């Protein structure tokens, strides 16, 4: 499902115009992104939890030369599916 498909689905289910549905979907994505930027979690009960994960610095290899390179520590977004979503997928 693409973002456009999601907007179309929300418009149909909530009886909204496409423009209103797009604004609603964008607002939800922006709220989740803002929460993660602050370092907070975004918990959507029944769906899952978006969180910030920390990746430690490590040594990697350049695949072309085989030379060792240092990969710096960084933060990445993560998602953990909720119990309801896991059951629905089974």
PDB file of N, CA and C in Angstrom:
ATOM      1  N   UNK A   1       0.844  -1.171   0.000  1.00  0.00           N
ATOM      2  CA  UNK A   1       0.000   0.000   0.000  1.00  0.00           C
ATOM      3  C   UNK A   1       0.895   1.242   0.000  1.00  0.00           C
ATOM      4  N   UNK A   2       0.611   2.146  -0.904  1.00  0.00           N
ATOM      5  CA  UNK A   2       1.350   3.392  -0.974  1.00  0.00           C
ATOM      6  C   UNK A   2       0.621   4.466  -0.170  1.00  0.00           C
ATOM      7  N   UNK A   3       1.261   5.617  -0.028  1.00  0.00           N
ATOM      8  CA  UNK A   3       0.628   6.721   0.700  1.00  0.00           C
ATOM      9  C   UNK A   3      -0.649   7.159  -0.015  1.00  0.00           C
ATOM     10  N   UNK A   4      -0.621   7.183  -1.342  1.00  0.00           N
ATOM     11  CA  UNK A   4      -1.814   7.550  -2.117  1.00  0.00           C
ATOM     12  C   UNK A   4      -2.943   6.551  -1.876  1.00  0.00           C
ATOM     13  N   UNK A   5      -2.622   5.267  -1.794  1.00  0.00           N
ATOM     14  CA  UNK A   5      -3.625   4.246  -1.501  1.00  0.00           C
ATOM     15  C   UNK A   5      -4.215   4.463  -0.112  1.00  0.00           C
ATOM     16  N   UNK A   6      -3.351   4.805   0.843  1.00  0.00           N
ATOM     17  CA  UNK A   6      -3.808   5.058   2.203  1.00  0.00           C
ATOM     18  C   UNK A   6      -4.749   6.258   2.243  1.00  0.00           C
ATOM     19  N   UNK A   7      -4.409   7.316   1.545  1.00  0.00           N
ATOM     20  CA  UNK A   7      -5.264   8.513   1.487  1.00  0.00           C
ATOM     21  C   UNK A   7      -6.613   8.144   0.893  1.00  0.00           C
ATOM     22  N   UNK A   8      -6.609   7.384  -0.177  1.00  0.00           N
ATOM     23  CA  UNK A   8      -7.855   6.967  -0.829  1.00  0.00           C
ATOM     24  C   UNK A   8      -8.708   6.129   0.127  1.00  0.00           C
ATOM     25  N   UNK A   9      -8.086   5.222   0.846  1.00  0.00           N
ATOM     26  CA  UNK A   9      -8.798   4.360   1.798  1.00  0.00           C
ATOM     27  C   UNK A   9      -9.410   5.189   2.935  1.00  0.00           C
ATOM     28  N   UNK A  10      -8.639   6.125   3.472  1.00  0.00           N
ATOM     29  CA  UNK A  10      -9.141   6.994   4.552  1.00  0.00           C
ATOM     30  C   UNK A  10     -10.300   7.840   4.045  1.00  0.00           C
ATOM     31  N   UNK A  11     -10.194   8.356   2.834  1.00  0.00           N
ATOM     32  CA  UNK A  11     -11.264   9.172   2.259  1.00  0.00           C
ATOM     33  C   UNK A  11     -12.563   8.379   2.146  1.00  0.00           C
ATOM     34  N   UNK A  12     -12.456   7.133   1.702  1.00  0.00           N
ATOM     35  CA  UNK A  12     -13.650   6.292   1.569  1.00  0.00           C
ATOM     36  C   UNK A  12     -14.244   5.923   2.922  1.00  0.00           C
ATOM     37  N   UNK A  13     -13.379   5.446   3.848  1.00  0.00           N
ATOM     38  CA  UNK A  13     -13.858   4.964   5.148  1.00  0.00           C
ATOM     39  C   UNK A  13     -14.444   6.086   6.008  1.00  0.00           C
ATOM     40  N   UNK A  14     -13.833   7.275   5.969  1.00  0.00           N
ATOM     41  CA  UNK A  14     -14.265   8.372   6.831  1.00  0.00           C
ATOM     42  C   UNK A  14     -15.198   9.345   6.109  1.00  0.00           C
ATOM     43  N   UNK A  15     -15.549   9.039   4.862  1.00  0.00           N
ATOM     44  CA  UNK A  15     -16.427   9.886   4.061  1.00  0.00           C
ATOM     45  C   UNK A  15     -15.881  11.317   3.995  1.00  0.00           C
ATOM     46  N   UNK A  16     -14.614  11.425   3.603  1.00  0.00           N
ATOM     47  CA  UNK A  16     -13.938  12.711   3.468  1.00  0.00           C
ATOM     48  C   UNK A  16     -13.553  12.941   2.011  1.00  0.00           C
ATOM     49  N   UNK A  17     -13.249  14.187   1.705  1.00  0.00           N
ATOM     50  CA  UNK A  17     -12.695  14.469   0.387  1.00  0.00           C
ATOM     51  C   UNK A  17     -11.255  13.971   0.369  1.00  0.00           C
ATOM     52  N   UNK A  18     -10.702  13.797  -0.828  1.00  0.00           N
ATOM     53  CA  UNK A  18      -9.309  13.346  -0.912  1.00  0.00           C
ATOM     54  C   UNK A  18      -8.372  14.356  -0.269  1.00  0.00           C
ATOM     55  N   UNK A  19      -8.676  15.642  -0.449  1.00  0.00           N
ATOM     56  CA  UNK A  19      -7.823  16.687   0.116  1.00  0.00           C
ATOM     57  C   UNK A  19      -7.828  16.617   1.638  1.00  0.00           C
ATOM     58  N   UNK A  20      -9.002  16.456   2.235  1.00  0.00           N
ATOM     59  CA  UNK A  20      -9.102  16.371   3.698  1.00  0.00           C
ATOM     60  C   UNK A  20      -8.415  15.105   4.212  1.00  0.00           C
ATOM     61  N   UNK A  21      -8.581  14.005   3.492  1.00  0.00           N
ATOM     62  CA  UNK A  21      -7.942  12.751   3.901  1.00  0.00           C
ATOM     63  C   UNK A  21      -6.424  12.873   3.808  1.00  0.00           C
ATOM     64  N   UNK A  22      -5.916  13.530   2.762  1.00  0.00           N
ATOM     65  CA  UNK A  22      -4.468  13.720   2.616  1.00  0.00           C
ATOM     66  C   UNK A  22      -3.930  14.574   3.756  1.00  0.00           C
ATOM     67  N   UNK A  23      -4.652  15.620   4.125  1.00  0.00           N
ATOM     68  CA  UNK A  23      -4.228  16.471   5.239  1.00  0.00           C
ATOM     69  C   UNK A  23      -4.214  15.688   6.548  1.00  0.00           C
ATOM     70  N   UNK A  24      -5.200  14.820   6.745  1.00  0.00           N
ATOM     71  CA  UNK A  24      -5.258  14.008   7.963  1.00  0.00           C
ATOM     72  C   UNK A  24      -4.095  13.021   8.024  1.00  0.00           C
ATOM     73  N   UNK A  25      -3.820  12.348   6.927  1.00  0.00           N
ATOM     74  CA  UNK A  25      -2.716  11.383   6.879  1.00  0.00           C
ATOM     75  C   UNK A  25      -1.384  12.100   7.086  1.00  0.00           C
ATOM     76  N   UNK A  26      -1.200  13.245   6.423  1.00  0.00           N
ATOM     77  CA  UNK A  26       0.027  14.022   6.592  1.00  0.00           C
ATOM     78  C   UNK A  26       0.189  14.490   8.031  1.00  0.00           C
ATOM     79  N   UNK A  27      -0.906  14.896   8.668  1.00  0.00           N
ATOM     80  CA  UNK A  27      -0.846  15.351  10.058  1.00  0.00           C
ATOM     81  C   UNK A  27      -0.419  14.218  10.989  1.00  0.00           C
ATOM     82  N   UNK A  28      -0.904  13.032  10.751  1.00  0.00           N
ATOM     83  CA  UNK A  28      -0.518  11.875  11.571  1.00  0.00           C
ATOM     84  C   UNK A  28       0.964  11.565  11.393  1.00  0.00           C
ATOM     85  N   UNK A  29       1.422  11.528  10.143  1.00  0.00           N
ATOM     86  CA  UNK A  29       2.845  11.253   9.885  1.00  0.00           C
ATOM     87  C   UNK A  29       3.732  12.329  10.491  1.00  0.00           C
ATOM     88  N   UNK A  30       3.312  13.598  10.384  1.00  0.00           N
ATOM     89  CA  UNK A  30       4.091  14.697  10.965  1.00  0.00           C
ATOM     90  C   UNK A  30       4.163  14.583  12.478  1.00  0.00           C
ATOM     91  N   UNK A  31       3.047  14.204  13.111  1.00  0.00           N
ATOM     92  CA  UNK A  31       3.028  14.062  14.567  1.00  0.00           C
ATOM     93  C   UNK A  31       3.974  12.950  15.023  1.00  0.00           C
ATOM     94  N   UNK A  32       3.978  11.845  14.302  1.00  0.00           N
ATOM     95  CA  UNK A  32       4.882  10.740  14.643  1.00  0.00           C
ATOM     96  C   UNK A  32       6.330  11.173  14.453  1.00  0.00           C
ATOM     97  N   UNK A  33       6.626  11.840  13.340  1.00  0.00           N
ATOM     98  CA  UNK A  33       7.991  12.292  13.067  1.00  0.00           C
ATOM     99  C   UNK A  33       8.454  13.303  14.113  1.00  0.00           C
ATOM    100  N   UNK A  34       7.584  14.229  14.498  1.00  0.00           N
ATOM    101  CA  UNK A  34       7.945  15.220  15.515  1.00  0.00           C
ATOM    102  C   UNK A  34       8.244  14.547  16.851  1.00  0.00           C
ATOM    103  N   UNK A  35       7.455  13.560  17.199  1.00  0.00           N
ATOM    104  CA  UNK A  35       7.671  12.831  18.444  1.00  0.00           C
ATOM    105  C   UNK A  35       9.033  12.132  18.436  1.00  0.00           C
ATOM    106  N   UNK A  36       9.373  11.501  17.318  1.00  0.00           N
ATOM    107  CA  UNK A  36      10.657  10.808  17.210  1.00  0.00           C
ATOM    108  C   UNK A  36      11.825  11.791  17.218  1.00  0.00           C
ATOM    109  N   UNK A  37      11.652  12.966  16.601  1.00  0.00           N
ATOM    110  CA  UNK A  37      12.704  13.984  16.603  1.00  0.00           C
ATOM    111  C   UNK A  37      13.028  14.433  18.022  1.00  0.00           C
ATOM    112  N   UNK A  38      12.008  14.497  18.873  1.00  0.00           N
ATOM    113  CA  UNK A  38      12.210  14.882  20.272  1.00  0.00           C
ATOM    114  C   UNK A  38      12.792  13.745  21.091  1.00  0.00           C
ATOM    115  N   UNK A  39      12.855  12.534  20.526  1.00  0.00           N
ATOM    116  CA  UNK A  39      13.378  11.383  21.242  1.00  0.00           C
ATOM    117  C   UNK A  39      12.307  10.617  21.999  1.00  0.00           C
ATOM    118  N   UNK A  40      11.047  10.978  21.795  1.00  0.00           N
ATOM    119  CA  UNK A  40       9.930  10.298  22.450  1.00  0.00           C
ATOM    120  C   UNK A  40       9.459   9.119  21.613  1.00  0.00           C
ATOM    121  N   UNK A  41       8.616   8.295  22.227  1.00  0.00           N
ATOM    122  CA  UNK A  41       7.978   7.194  21.507  1.00  0.00           C
ATOM    123  C   UNK A  41       6.606   7.658  21.034  1.00  0.00           C
ATOM    124  N   UNK A  42       6.110   7.050  19.973  1.00  0.00           N
ATOM    125  CA  UNK A  42       4.751   7.269  19.498  1.00  0.00           C
ATOM    126  C   UNK A  42       4.041   5.924  19.595  1.00  0.00           C
ATOM    127  N   UNK A  43       3.133   5.811  20.563  1.00  0.00           N
ATOM    128  CA  UNK A  43       2.434   4.551  20.807  1.00  0.00           C
ATOM    129  C   UNK A  43       1.024   4.655  20.237  1.00  0.00           C
ATOM    130  N   UNK A  44       0.686   3.758  19.328  1.00  0.00           N
ATOM    131  CA  UNK A  44      -0.656   3.680  18.766  1.00  0.00           C
ATOM    132  C   UNK A  44      -1.226   2.341  19.223  1.00  0.00           C
ATOM    133  N   UNK A  45      -2.083   2.402  20.220  1.00  0.00           N
ATOM    134  CA  UNK A  45      -2.632   1.196  20.836  1.00  0.00           C
ATOM    135  C   UNK A  45      -3.331   0.327  19.797  1.00  0.00           C
ATOM    136  N   UNK A  46      -2.996  -0.944  19.805  1.00  0.00           N
ATOM    137  CA  UNK A  46      -3.579  -1.891  18.867  1.00  0.00           C
ATOM    138  C   UNK A  46      -2.829  -1.973  17.556  1.00  0.00           C
ATOM    139  N   UNK A  47      -1.917  -1.050  17.313  1.00  0.00           N
ATOM    140  CA  UNK A  47      -1.148  -1.057  16.065  1.00  0.00           C
ATOM    141  C   UNK A  47       0.327  -1.301  16.332  1.00  0.00           C
ATOM    142  N   UNK A  48       0.947  -0.413  17.115  1.00  0.00           N
ATOM    143  CA  UNK A  48       2.360  -0.603  17.408  1.00  0.00           C
ATOM    144  C   UNK A  48       3.006   0.627  17.998  1.00  0.00           C
ATOM    145  N   UNK A  49       4.311   0.554  18.171  1.00  0.00           N
ATOM    146  CA  UNK A  49       5.080   1.624  18.789  1.00  0.00           C
ATOM    147  C   UNK A  49       6.229   2.029  17.871  1.00  0.00           C
ATOM    148  N   UNK A  50       6.301   3.323  17.589  1.00  0.00           N
ATOM    149  CA  UNK A  50       7.424   3.891  16.859  1.00  0.00           C
ATOM    150  C   UNK A  50       8.386   4.436  17.899  1.00  0.00           C
ATOM    151  N   UNK A  51       9.679   4.145  17.755  1.00  0.00           N
ATOM    152  CA  UNK A  51      10.655   4.601  18.735  1.00  0.00           C
ATOM    153  C   UNK A  51      11.970   4.924  18.044  1.00  0.00           C
ATOM    154  N   UNK A  52      12.861   5.576  18.800  1.00  0.00           N
ATOM    155  CA  UNK A  52      14.196   5.892  18.302  1.00  0.00           C
ATOM    156  C   UNK A  52      15.143   4.847  18.863  1.00  0.00           C
ATOM    157  N   UNK A  53      15.903   4.220  17.980  1.00  0.00           N
ATOM    158  CA  UNK A  53      16.878   3.215  18.398  1.00  0.00           C
ATOM    159  C   UNK A  53      18.281   3.762  18.171  1.00  0.00           C
ATOM    160  N   UNK A  54      19.173   3.414  19.078  1.00  0.00           N
ATOM    161  CA  UNK A  54      20.552   3.876  18.958  1.00  0.00           C
ATOM    162  C   UNK A  54      21.403   2.742  18.422  1.00  0.00           C
ATOM    163  N   UNK A  55      22.155   3.034  17.376  1.00  0.00           N
ATOM    164  CA  UNK A  55      23.080   2.059  16.805  1.00  0.00           C
ATOM    165  C   UNK A  55      24.487   2.446  17.218  1.00  0.00           C
ATOM    166  N   UNK A  56      25.213   1.518  17.745  1.00  0.00           N
ATOM    167  CA  UNK A  56      26.575   1.780  18.228  1.00  0.00           C
ATOM    168  C   UNK A  56      27.543   1.929  17.058  1.00  0.00           C
ATOM    169  N   UNK A  57      28.645   2.602  17.327  1.00  0.00           N
ATOM    170  CA  UNK A  57      29.704   2.718  16.323  1.00  0.00           C
ATOM    171  C   UNK A  57      30.297   1.331  16.092  1.00  0.00           C
ATOM    172  N   UNK A  58      30.719   1.091  14.868  1.00  0.00           N
ATOM    173  CA  UNK A  58      31.275  -0.225  14.552  1.00  0.00           C
ATOM    174  C   UNK A  58      32.237  -0.106  13.383  1.00  0.00           C
ATOM    175  N   UNK A  59      32.960  -1.170  13.142  1.00  0.00           N
ATOM    176  CA  UNK A  59      33.888  -1.220  12.018  1.00  0.00           C
ATOM    177  C   UNK A  59      33.240  -2.022  10.900  1.00  0.00           C
ATOM    178  N   UNK A  60      33.269  -1.461   9.702  1.00  0.00           N
ATOM    179  CA  UNK A  60      32.717  -2.140   8.539  1.00  0.00           C
ATOM    180  C   UNK A  60      33.795  -2.346   7.493  1.00  0.00           C
ATOM    181  N   UNK A  61      33.413  -2.861   6.359  1.00  0.00           N
ATOM    182  CA  UNK A  61      34.357  -3.106   5.272  1.00  0.00           C
ATOM    183  C   UNK A  61      33.838  -2.467   3.988  1.00  0.00           C
ATOM    184  N   UNK A  62      34.743  -1.857   3.246  1.00  0.00           N
ATOM    185  CA  UNK A  62      34.414  -1.356   1.922  1.00  0.00           C
ATOM    186  C   UNK A  62      34.331  -2.575   1.001  1.00  0.00           C
ATOM    187  N   UNK A  63      33.178  -2.841   0.383  1.00  0.00           N
ATOM    188  CA  UNK A  63      33.053  -4.057  -0.421  1.00  0.00           C
ATOM    189  C   UNK A  63      33.944  -4.079  -1.663  1.00  0.00           C
ATOM    190  N   UNK A  64      34.338  -2.907  -2.175  1.00  0.00           N
ATOM    191  CA  UNK A  64      35.178  -2.876  -3.368  1.00  0.00           C
ATOM    192  C   UNK A  64      36.645  -3.147  -3.052  1.00  0.00           C
ATOM    193  N   UNK A  65      37.119  -2.561  -1.943  1.00  0.00           N
ATOM    194  CA  UNK A  65      38.548  -2.682  -1.636  1.00  0.00           C
ATOM    195  C   UNK A  65      38.840  -3.619  -0.477  1.00  0.00           C
ATOM    196  N   UNK A  66      37.847  -3.880   0.348  1.00  0.00           N
ATOM    197  CA  UNK A  66      38.053  -4.725   1.514  1.00  0.00           C
ATOM    198  C   UNK A  66      38.674  -3.974   2.685  1.00  0.00           C
ATOM    199  N   UNK A  67      38.894  -2.679   2.500  1.00  0.00           N
ATOM    200  CA  UNK A  67      39.497  -1.863   3.560  1.00  0.00           C
ATOM    201  C   UNK A  67      38.504  -1.646   4.696  1.00  0.00           C
ATOM    202  N   UNK A  68      39.035  -1.621   5.926  1.00  0.00           N
ATOM    203  CA  UNK A  68      38.193  -1.377   7.092  1.00  0.00           C
ATOM    204  C   UNK A  68      37.813   0.099   7.144  1.00  0.00           C
ATOM    205  N   UNK A  69      36.531   0.370   7.449  1.00  0.00           N
ATOM    206  CA  UNK A  69      36.065   1.738   7.615  1.00  0.00           C
ATOM    207  C   UNK A  69      35.324   1.845   8.928  1.00  0.00           C
ATOM    208  N   UNK A  70      35.344   3.033   9.520  1.00  0.00           N
ATOM    209  CA  UNK A  70      34.651   3.247  10.784  1.00  0.00           C
ATOM    210  C   UNK A  70      33.261   3.792  10.485  1.00  0.00           C
ATOM    211  N   UNK A  71      32.252   3.137  11.017  1.00  0.00           N
ATOM    212  CA  UNK A  71      30.863   3.577  10.870  1.00  0.00           C
ATOM    213  C   UNK A  71      30.476   4.223  12.198  1.00  0.00           C
ATOM    214  N   UNK A  72      30.064   5.482  12.147  1.00  0.00           N
ATOM    215  CA  UNK A  72      29.770   6.225  13.371  1.00  0.00           C
ATOM    216  C   UNK A  72      28.449   5.785  13.994  1.00  0.00           C
ATOM    217  N   UNK A  73      28.297   6.080  15.278  1.00  0.00           N
ATOM    218  CA  UNK A  73      27.044   5.799  15.982  1.00  0.00           C
ATOM    219  C   UNK A  73      25.962   6.725  15.435  1.00  0.00           C
ATOM    220  N   UNK A  74      24.731   6.237  15.433  1.00  0.00           N
ATOM    221  CA  UNK A  74      23.623   7.064  14.957  1.00  0.00           C
ATOM    222  C   UNK A  74      22.309   6.586  15.524  1.00  0.00           C
ATOM    223  N   UNK A  75      21.303   7.404  15.366  1.00  0.00           N
ATOM    224  CA  UNK A  75      19.949   7.058  15.796  1.00  0.00           C
ATOM    225  C   UNK A  75      19.141   6.679  14.563  1.00  0.00           C
ATOM    226  N   UNK A  76      18.300   5.666  14.710  1.00  0.00           N
ATOM    227  CA  UNK A  76      17.439   5.248  13.607  1.00  0.00           C
ATOM    228  C   UNK A  76      16.022   5.046  14.128  1.00  0.00           C
ATOM    229  N   UNK A  77      15.019   5.259  13.275  1.00  0.00           N
ATOM    230  CA  UNK A  77      13.655   4.990  13.705  1.00  0.00           C
ATOM    231  C   UNK A  77      13.402   3.488  13.730  1.00  0.00           C
ATOM    232  N   UNK A  78      12.578   3.074  14.675  1.00  0.00           N
ATOM    233  CA  UNK A  78      12.223   1.659  14.780  1.00  0.00           C
ATOM    234  C   UNK A  78      10.733   1.498  14.990  1.00  0.00           C
ATOM    235  N   UNK A  79      10.230   0.335  14.684  1.00  0.00           N
ATOM    236  CA  UNK A  79       8.803   0.046  14.866  1.00  0.00           C
ATOM    237  C   UNK A  79       8.659  -1.336  15.472  1.00  0.00           C
ATOM    238  N   UNK A  80       7.824  -1.438  16.483  1.00  0.00           N
ATOM    239  CA  UNK A  80       7.480  -2.721  17.086  1.00  0.00           C
ATOM    240  C   UNK A  80       5.981  -2.909  16.940  1.00  0.00           C
ATOM    241  N   UNK A  81       5.572  -3.968  16.284  1.00  0.00           N
ATOM    242  CA  UNK A  81       4.152  -4.231  16.057  1.00  0.00           C
ATOM    243  C   UNK A  81       3.460  -4.578  17.373  1.00  0.00           C
ATOM    244  N   UNK A  82       2.235  -4.117  17.515  1.00  0.00           N
ATOM    245  CA  UNK A  82       1.433  -4.421  18.698  1.00  0.00           C
ATOM    246  C   UNK A  82       0.797  -5.797  18.603  1.00  0.00           C
ATOM    247  N   UNK A  83       0.276  -6.240  19.721  1.00  0.00           N
ATOM    248  CA  UNK A  83      -0.317  -7.578  19.790  1.00  0.00           C
ATOM    249  C   UNK A  83      -1.491  -7.739  18.805  1.00  0.00           C
ATOM    250  N   UNK A  84      -2.341  -6.733  18.716  1.00  0.00           N
ATOM    251  CA  UNK A  84      -3.508  -6.809  17.820  1.00  0.00           C
ATOM    252  C   UNK A  84      -3.075  -6.923  16.369  1.00  0.00           C
ATOM    253  N   UNK A  85      -2.075  -6.152  15.974  1.00  0.00           N
ATOM    254  CA  UNK A  85      -1.573  -6.203  14.599  1.00  0.00           C
ATOM    255  C   UNK A  85      -0.939  -7.554  14.311  1.00  0.00           C
ATOM    256  N   UNK A  86      -0.187  -8.071  15.256  1.00  0.00           N
ATOM    257  CA  UNK A  86       0.437  -9.387  15.061  1.00  0.00           C
ATOM    258  C   UNK A  86      -0.606 -10.466  14.868  1.00  0.00           C
ATOM    259  N   UNK A  87      -1.664 -10.408  15.655  1.00  0.00           N
ATOM    260  CA  UNK A  87      -2.737 -11.408  15.516  1.00  0.00           C
ATOM    261  C   UNK A  87      -3.442 -11.288  14.161  1.00  0.00           C
ATOM    262  N   UNK A  88      -3.633 -10.050  13.699  1.00  0.00           N
ATOM    263  CA  UNK A  88      -4.327  -9.833  12.422  1.00  0.00           C
ATOM    264  C   UNK A  88      -3.519 -10.377  11.250  1.00  0.00           C
ATOM    265  N   UNK A  89      -2.211 -10.303  11.349  1.00  0.00           N
ATOM    266  CA  UNK A  89      -1.341 -10.754  10.258  1.00  0.00           C
ATOM    267  C   UNK A  89      -1.253 -12.274  10.216  1.00  0.00           C
ATOM    268  N   UNK A  90      -1.335 -12.934  11.350  1.00  0.00           N
ATOM    269  CA  UNK A  90      -1.251 -14.393  11.382  1.00  0.00           C
ATOM    270  C   UNK A  90      -2.303 -14.956  10.481  1.00  0.00           C
TER     271      UNK A  90
END
